[in-house]
Amino acid sequence: MKRVQIIIAIPSCFLLLFSLLTSYKAGLIIAMAGLFVGLILRQVRLWKYRAILDHPSRRYSSEESFGDSEE
């Protein structure tokens, strides 16, 4: 999925730069859509690792708190 993201994002970046320099409005819209799809693919790719990157306190919220004794 990372390769697909790169295949979409790199040409979109070049098209965006070209469109901004030459005022090519159709290219600007296509480039923005391509970058948007690339960012969505990145979020989908990172969503797989959500459990790994999650904050530790959320993983253990149902268990006892660490070191806190209420005596």
PDB file of N, CA and C in Angstrom:
ATOM      1  N   MET A   1       0.819  -1.184   0.000  1.00  0.00           N
ATOM      2  CA  MET A   1       0.000   0.000   0.000  1.00  0.00           C
ATOM      3  C   MET A   1       0.871   1.259   0.000  1.00  0.00           C
ATOM      4  N   LYS A   2       2.061   1.130   0.565  1.00  0.00           N
ATOM      5  CA  LYS A   2       2.961   2.280   0.578  1.00  0.00           C
ATOM      6  C   LYS A   2       3.396   2.643  -0.842  1.00  0.00           C
ATOM      7  N   ARG A   3       3.590   1.638  -1.686  1.00  0.00           N
ATOM      8  CA  ARG A   3       3.976   1.917  -3.073  1.00  0.00           C
ATOM      9  C   ARG A   3       2.861   2.609  -3.834  1.00  0.00           C
ATOM     10  N   VAL A   4       1.630   2.192  -3.581  1.00  0.00           N
ATOM     11  CA  VAL A   4       0.496   2.836  -4.242  1.00  0.00           C
ATOM     12  C   VAL A   4       0.410   4.296  -3.817  1.00  0.00           C
ATOM     13  N   GLN A   5       0.645   4.528  -2.536  1.00  0.00           N
ATOM     14  CA  GLN A   5       0.636   5.897  -2.032  1.00  0.00           C
ATOM     15  C   GLN A   5       1.704   6.728  -2.722  1.00  0.00           C
ATOM     16  N   ILE A   6       2.893   6.168  -2.883  1.00  0.00           N
ATOM     17  CA  ILE A   6       3.990   6.894  -3.540  1.00  0.00           C
ATOM     18  C   ILE A   6       3.692   7.112  -5.023  1.00  0.00           C
ATOM     19  N   ILE A   7       3.117   6.096  -5.678  1.00  0.00           N
ATOM     20  CA  ILE A   7       2.801   6.207  -7.105  1.00  0.00           C
ATOM     21  C   ILE A   7       1.766   7.304  -7.347  1.00  0.00           C
ATOM     22  N   ILE A   8       0.848   7.487  -6.422  1.00  0.00           N
ATOM     23  CA  ILE A   8      -0.166   8.531  -6.576  1.00  0.00           C
ATOM     24  C   ILE A   8       0.367   9.897  -6.158  1.00  0.00           C
ATOM     25  N   ALA A   9       1.109   9.957  -5.063  1.00  0.00           N
ATOM     26  CA  ALA A   9       1.482  11.246  -4.473  1.00  0.00           C
ATOM     27  C   ALA A   9       2.582  11.980  -5.240  1.00  0.00           C
ATOM     28  N   ILE A  10       3.583  11.279  -5.719  1.00  0.00           N
ATOM     29  CA  ILE A  10       4.715  11.970  -6.369  1.00  0.00           C
ATOM     30  C   ILE A  10       4.298  12.667  -7.669  1.00  0.00           C
ATOM     31  N   PRO A  11       3.589  11.983  -8.584  1.00  0.00           N
ATOM     32  CA  PRO A  11       3.138  12.738  -9.772  1.00  0.00           C
ATOM     33  C   PRO A  11       2.170  13.865  -9.430  1.00  0.00           C
ATOM     34  N   SER A  12       1.363  13.674  -8.390  1.00  0.00           N
ATOM     35  CA  SER A  12       0.439  14.731  -7.985  1.00  0.00           C
ATOM     36  C   SER A  12       1.192  15.949  -7.481  1.00  0.00           C
ATOM     37  N   CYS A  13       2.292  15.725  -6.789  1.00  0.00           N
ATOM     38  CA  CYS A  13       3.111  16.852  -6.319  1.00  0.00           C
ATOM     39  C   CYS A  13       3.701  17.627  -7.489  1.00  0.00           C
ATOM     40  N   PHE A  14       4.226  16.904  -8.464  1.00  0.00           N
ATOM     41  CA  PHE A  14       4.792  17.579  -9.636  1.00  0.00           C
ATOM     42  C   PHE A  14       3.713  18.319 -10.424  1.00  0.00           C
ATOM     43  N   LEU A  15       2.536  17.698 -10.565  1.00  0.00           N
ATOM     44  CA  LEU A  15       1.439  18.356 -11.264  1.00  0.00           C
ATOM     45  C   LEU A  15       0.964  19.587 -10.505  1.00  0.00           C
ATOM     46  N   LEU A  16       0.957  19.511  -9.182  1.00  0.00           N
ATOM     47  CA  LEU A  16       0.566  20.667  -8.375  1.00  0.00           C
ATOM     48  C   LEU A  16       1.546  21.820  -8.567  1.00  0.00           C
ATOM     49  N   LEU A  17       2.837  21.534  -8.534  1.00  0.00           N
ATOM     50  CA  LEU A  17       3.833  22.590  -8.749  1.00  0.00           C
ATOM     51  C   LEU A  17       3.700  23.198 -10.144  1.00  0.00           C
ATOM     52  N   PHE A  18       3.534  22.352 -11.148  1.00  0.00           N
ATOM     53  CA  PHE A  18       3.366  22.837 -12.516  1.00  0.00           C
ATOM     54  C   PHE A  18       2.110  23.693 -12.631  1.00  0.00           C
ATOM     55  N   SER A  19       1.034  23.249 -12.010  1.00  0.00           N
ATOM     56  CA  SER A  19      -0.229  23.984 -12.083  1.00  0.00           C
ATOM     57  C   SER A  19      -0.153  25.326 -11.380  1.00  0.00           C
ATOM     58  N   LEU A  20       0.551  25.358 -10.264  1.00  0.00           N
ATOM     59  CA  LEU A  20       0.687  26.634  -9.561  1.00  0.00           C
ATOM     60  C   LEU A  20       1.556  27.625 -10.327  1.00  0.00           C
ATOM     61  N   LEU A  21       2.573  27.113 -11.005  1.00  0.00           N
ATOM     62  CA  LEU A  21       3.465  28.005 -11.757  1.00  0.00           C
ATOM     63  C   LEU A  21       2.839  28.511 -13.046  1.00  0.00           C
ATOM     64  N   THR A  22       1.954  27.727 -13.655  1.00  0.00           N
ATOM     65  CA  THR A  22       1.394  28.104 -14.953  1.00  0.00           C
ATOM     66  C   THR A  22      -0.086  28.480 -14.897  1.00  0.00           C
ATOM     67  N   SER A  23      -0.677  28.497 -13.721  1.00  0.00           N
ATOM     68  CA  SER A  23      -2.104  28.809 -13.541  1.00  0.00           C
ATOM     69  C   SER A  23      -2.997  27.862 -14.334  1.00  0.00           C
ATOM     70  N   TYR A  24      -2.672  26.597 -14.302  1.00  0.00           N
ATOM     71  CA  TYR A  24      -3.436  25.556 -14.996  1.00  0.00           C
ATOM     72  C   TYR A  24      -4.445  24.990 -14.006  1.00  0.00           C
ATOM     73  N   LYS A  25      -5.704  25.445 -14.094  1.00  0.00           N
ATOM     74  CA  LYS A  25      -6.699  25.138 -13.075  1.00  0.00           C
ATOM     75  C   LYS A  25      -7.126  23.665 -13.070  1.00  0.00           C
ATOM     76  N   ALA A  26      -7.241  23.059 -14.230  1.00  0.00           N
ATOM     77  CA  ALA A  26      -7.645  21.647 -14.262  1.00  0.00           C
ATOM     78  C   ALA A  26      -6.579  20.770 -13.610  1.00  0.00           C
ATOM     79  N   GLY A  27      -5.322  21.073 -13.878  1.00  0.00           N
ATOM     80  CA  GLY A  27      -4.226  20.327 -13.251  1.00  0.00           C
ATOM     81  C   GLY A  27      -4.190  20.529 -11.755  1.00  0.00           C
ATOM     82  N   LEU A  28      -4.535  21.721 -11.308  1.00  0.00           N
ATOM     83  CA  LEU A  28      -4.563  22.008  -9.879  1.00  0.00           C
ATOM     84  C   LEU A  28      -5.606  21.145  -9.165  1.00  0.00           C
ATOM     85  N   ILE A  29      -6.774  21.015  -9.777  1.00  0.00           N
ATOM     86  CA  ILE A  29      -7.839  20.208  -9.180  1.00  0.00           C
ATOM     87  C   ILE A  29      -7.460  18.731  -9.167  1.00  0.00           C
ATOM     88  N   ILE A  30      -6.882  18.243 -10.262  1.00  0.00           N
ATOM     89  CA  ILE A  30      -6.462  16.839 -10.335  1.00  0.00           C
ATOM     90  C   ILE A  30      -5.355  16.553  -9.326  1.00  0.00           C
ATOM     91  N   ALA A  31      -4.410  17.478  -9.204  1.00  0.00           N
ATOM     92  CA  ALA A  31      -3.309  17.294  -8.256  1.00  0.00           C
ATOM     93  C   ALA A  31      -3.809  17.298  -6.814  1.00  0.00           C
ATOM     94  N   MET A  32      -4.737  18.185  -6.508  1.00  0.00           N
ATOM     95  CA  MET A  32      -5.275  18.227  -5.144  1.00  0.00           C
ATOM     96  C   MET A  32      -6.031  16.933  -4.831  1.00  0.00           C
ATOM     97  N   ALA A  33      -6.764  16.414  -5.809  1.00  0.00           N
ATOM     98  CA  ALA A  33      -7.477  15.149  -5.598  1.00  0.00           C
ATOM     99  C   ALA A  33      -6.493  14.000  -5.406  1.00  0.00           C
ATOM    100  N   GLY A  34      -5.424  13.985  -6.174  1.00  0.00           N
ATOM    101  CA  GLY A  34      -4.407  12.945  -6.026  1.00  0.00           C
ATOM    102  C   GLY A  34      -3.724  12.993  -4.670  1.00  0.00           C
ATOM    103  N   LEU A  35      -3.414  14.188  -4.214  1.00  0.00           N
ATOM    104  CA  LEU A  35      -2.796  14.324  -2.891  1.00  0.00           C
ATOM    105  C   LEU A  35      -3.768  13.911  -1.783  1.00  0.00           C
ATOM    106  N   PHE A  36      -5.037  14.221  -1.972  1.00  0.00           N
ATOM    107  CA  PHE A  36      -6.041  13.819  -1.008  1.00  0.00           C
ATOM    108  C   PHE A  36      -6.143  12.301  -0.925  1.00  0.00           C
ATOM    109  N   VAL A  37      -6.142  11.631  -2.064  1.00  0.00           N
ATOM    110  CA  VAL A  37      -6.179  10.161  -2.081  1.00  0.00           C
ATOM    111  C   VAL A  37      -4.925   9.592  -1.435  1.00  0.00           C
ATOM    112  N   GLY A  38      -3.772  10.195  -1.707  1.00  0.00           N
ATOM    113  CA  GLY A  38      -2.530   9.745  -1.079  1.00  0.00           C
ATOM    114  C   GLY A  38      -2.566   9.872   0.436  1.00  0.00           C
ATOM    115  N   LEU A  39      -3.125  10.962   0.932  1.00  0.00           N
ATOM    116  CA  LEU A  39      -3.235  11.136   2.377  1.00  0.00           C
ATOM    117  C   LEU A  39      -4.234  10.160   2.999  1.00  0.00           C
ATOM    118  N   ILE A  40      -5.309   9.864   2.284  1.00  0.00           N
ATOM    119  CA  ILE A  40      -6.264   8.870   2.787  1.00  0.00           C
ATOM    120  C   ILE A  40      -5.612   7.499   2.856  1.00  0.00           C
ATOM    121  N   LEU A  41      -4.837   7.143   1.834  1.00  0.00           N
ATOM    122  CA  LEU A  41      -4.128   5.862   1.859  1.00  0.00           C
ATOM    123  C   LEU A  41      -3.147   5.800   3.023  1.00  0.00           C
ATOM    124  N   ARG A  42      -2.513   6.921   3.326  1.00  0.00           N
ATOM    125  CA  ARG A  42      -1.586   6.950   4.464  1.00  0.00           C
ATOM    126  C   ARG A  42      -2.326   6.704   5.770  1.00  0.00           C
ATOM    127  N   GLN A  43      -3.486   7.324   5.919  1.00  0.00           N
ATOM    128  CA  GLN A  43      -4.252   7.128   7.139  1.00  0.00           C
ATOM    129  C   GLN A  43      -4.748   5.685   7.263  1.00  0.00           C
ATOM    130  N   VAL A  44      -5.142   5.088   6.158  1.00  0.00           N
ATOM    131  CA  VAL A  44      -5.573   3.684   6.182  1.00  0.00           C
ATOM    132  C   VAL A  44      -4.407   2.791   6.557  1.00  0.00           C
ATOM    133  N   ARG A  45      -3.234   3.096   6.013  1.00  0.00           N
ATOM    134  CA  ARG A  45      -2.052   2.295   6.319  1.00  0.00           C
ATOM    135  C   ARG A  45      -1.671   2.419   7.785  1.00  0.00           C
ATOM    136  N   LEU A  46      -1.745   3.628   8.334  1.00  0.00           N
ATOM    137  CA  LEU A  46      -1.401   3.826   9.737  1.00  0.00           C
ATOM    138  C   LEU A  46      -2.486   3.310  10.672  1.00  0.00           C
ATOM    139  N   TRP A  47      -3.713   3.184  10.194  1.00  0.00           N
ATOM    140  CA  TRP A  47      -4.803   2.693  11.022  1.00  0.00           C
ATOM    141  C   TRP A  47      -4.567   1.253  11.455  1.00  0.00           C
ATOM    142  N   LYS A  48      -3.844   0.485  10.633  1.00  0.00           N
ATOM    143  CA  LYS A  48      -3.529  -0.901  10.976  1.00  0.00           C
ATOM    144  C   LYS A  48      -2.687  -0.983  12.250  1.00  0.00           C
ATOM    145  N   TYR A  49      -1.849   0.022  12.483  1.00  0.00           N
ATOM    146  CA  TYR A  49      -0.937   0.018  13.614  1.00  0.00           C
ATOM    147  C   TYR A  49      -1.499   0.810  14.796  1.00  0.00           C
ATOM    148  N   ARG A  50      -2.798   1.039  14.801  1.00  0.00           N
ATOM    149  CA  ARG A  50      -3.421   1.840  15.848  1.00  0.00           C
ATOM    150  C   ARG A  50      -3.220   1.215  17.221  1.00  0.00           C
ATOM    151  N   ALA A  51      -3.363  -0.093  17.309  1.00  0.00           N
ATOM    152  CA  ALA A  51      -3.219  -0.754  18.610  1.00  0.00           C
ATOM    153  C   ALA A  51      -1.773  -0.666  19.106  1.00  0.00           C
ATOM    154  N   ILE A  52      -0.824  -0.683  18.193  1.00  0.00           N
ATOM    155  CA  ILE A  52       0.582  -0.610  18.584  1.00  0.00           C
ATOM    156  C   ILE A  52       0.930   0.808  19.047  1.00  0.00           C
ATOM    157  N   LEU A  53       0.413   1.805  18.353  1.00  0.00           N
ATOM    158  CA  LEU A  53       0.774   3.189  18.636  1.00  0.00           C
ATOM    159  C   LEU A  53      -0.141   3.849  19.666  1.00  0.00           C
ATOM    160  N   ASP A  54      -1.143   3.124  20.144  1.00  0.00           N
ATOM    161  CA  ASP A  54      -2.091   3.695  21.085  1.00  0.00           C
ATOM    162  C   ASP A  54      -1.415   4.005  22.415  1.00  0.00           C
ATOM    163  N   HIS A  55      -1.968   4.926  23.140  1.00  0.00           N
ATOM    164  CA  HIS A  55      -1.415   5.311  24.437  1.00  0.00           C
ATOM    165  C   HIS A  55      -1.585   4.159  25.425  1.00  0.00           C
ATOM    166  N   PRO A  56      -0.564   3.837  26.211  1.00  0.00           N
ATOM    167  CA  PRO A  56      -0.642   2.678  27.110  1.00  0.00           C
ATOM    168  C   PRO A  56      -1.770   2.759  28.138  1.00  0.00           C
ATOM    169  N   SER A  57      -2.120   3.946  28.592  1.00  0.00           N
ATOM    170  CA  SER A  57      -3.168   4.047  29.611  1.00  0.00           C
ATOM    171  C   SER A  57      -4.523   3.614  29.063  1.00  0.00           C
ATOM    172  N   ARG A  58      -4.733   3.718  27.765  1.00  0.00           N
ATOM    173  CA  ARG A  58      -5.999   3.282  27.180  1.00  0.00           C
ATOM    174  C   ARG A  58      -6.083   1.763  27.117  1.00  0.00           C
ATOM    175  N   ARG A  59      -4.947   1.114  26.955  1.00  0.00           N
ATOM    176  CA  ARG A  59      -4.958  -0.344  26.874  1.00  0.00           C
ATOM    177  C   ARG A  59      -5.315  -0.978  28.207  1.00  0.00           C
ATOM    178  N   TYR A  60      -4.953  -0.343  29.298  1.00  0.00           N
ATOM    179  CA  TYR A  60      -5.149  -0.924  30.618  1.00  0.00           C
ATOM    180  C   TYR A  60      -6.201  -0.163  31.425  1.00  0.00           C
ATOM    181  N   SER A  61      -7.132   0.462  30.769  1.00  0.00           N
ATOM    182  CA  SER A  61      -8.111   1.274  31.491  1.00  0.00           C
ATOM    183  C   SER A  61      -9.064   0.420  32.326  1.00  0.00           C
ATOM    184  N   SER A  62      -9.305  -0.830  31.916  1.00  0.00           N
ATOM    185  CA  SER A  62     -10.232  -1.664  32.672  1.00  0.00           C
ATOM    186  C   SER A  62      -9.554  -2.353  33.853  1.00  0.00           C
ATOM    187  N   GLU A  63      -8.240  -2.398  33.864  1.00  0.00           N
ATOM    188  CA  GLU A  63      -7.517  -3.043  34.955  1.00  0.00           C
ATOM    189  C   GLU A  63      -7.275  -2.040  36.079  1.00  0.00           C
ATOM    190  N   GLU A  64      -6.698  -2.536  37.161  1.00  0.00           N
ATOM    191  CA  GLU A  64      -6.372  -1.641  38.265  1.00  0.00           C
ATOM    192  C   GLU A  64      -5.326  -0.639  37.827  1.00  0.00           C
ATOM    193  N   SER A  65      -5.353   0.512  38.457  1.00  0.00           N
ATOM    194  CA  SER A  65      -4.324   1.499  38.146  1.00  0.00           C
ATOM    195  C   SER A  65      -3.008   1.066  38.757  1.00  0.00           C
ATOM    196  N   PHE A  66      -1.947   1.473  38.132  1.00  0.00           N
ATOM    197  CA  PHE A  66      -0.614   1.030  38.524  1.00  0.00           C
ATOM    198  C   PHE A  66      -0.128   1.784  39.747  1.00  0.00           C
ATOM    199  N   GLY A  67       0.145   1.078  40.830  1.00  0.00           N
ATOM    200  CA  GLY A  67       0.783   1.677  41.986  1.00  0.00           C
ATOM    201  C   GLY A  67      -0.108   2.552  42.835  1.00  0.00           C
ATOM    202  N   ASP A  68      -1.342   2.740  42.465  1.00  0.00           N
ATOM    203  CA  ASP A  68      -2.246   3.583  43.264  1.00  0.00           C
ATOM    204  C   ASP A  68      -3.017   2.679  44.226  1.00  0.00           C
ATOM    205  N   SER A  69      -2.733   2.828  45.479  1.00  0.00           N
ATOM    206  CA  SER A  69      -3.460   2.047  46.472  1.00  0.00           C
ATOM    207  C   SER A  69      -4.360   2.968  47.279  1.00  0.00           C
ATOM    208  N   GLU A  70      -5.577   2.566  47.455  1.00  0.00           N
ATOM    209  CA  GLU A  70      -6.530   3.403  48.181  1.00  0.00           C
ATOM    210  C   GLU A  70      -6.770   2.815  49.556  1.00  0.00           C
ATOM    211  N   GLU A  71      -5.775   2.834  50.423  1.00  0.00           N
ATOM    212  CA  GLU A  71      -5.891   2.282  51.778  1.00  0.00           C
ATOM    213  C   GLU A  71      -6.160   3.353  52.783  1.00  0.00           C
TER     214      GLU A  71
END
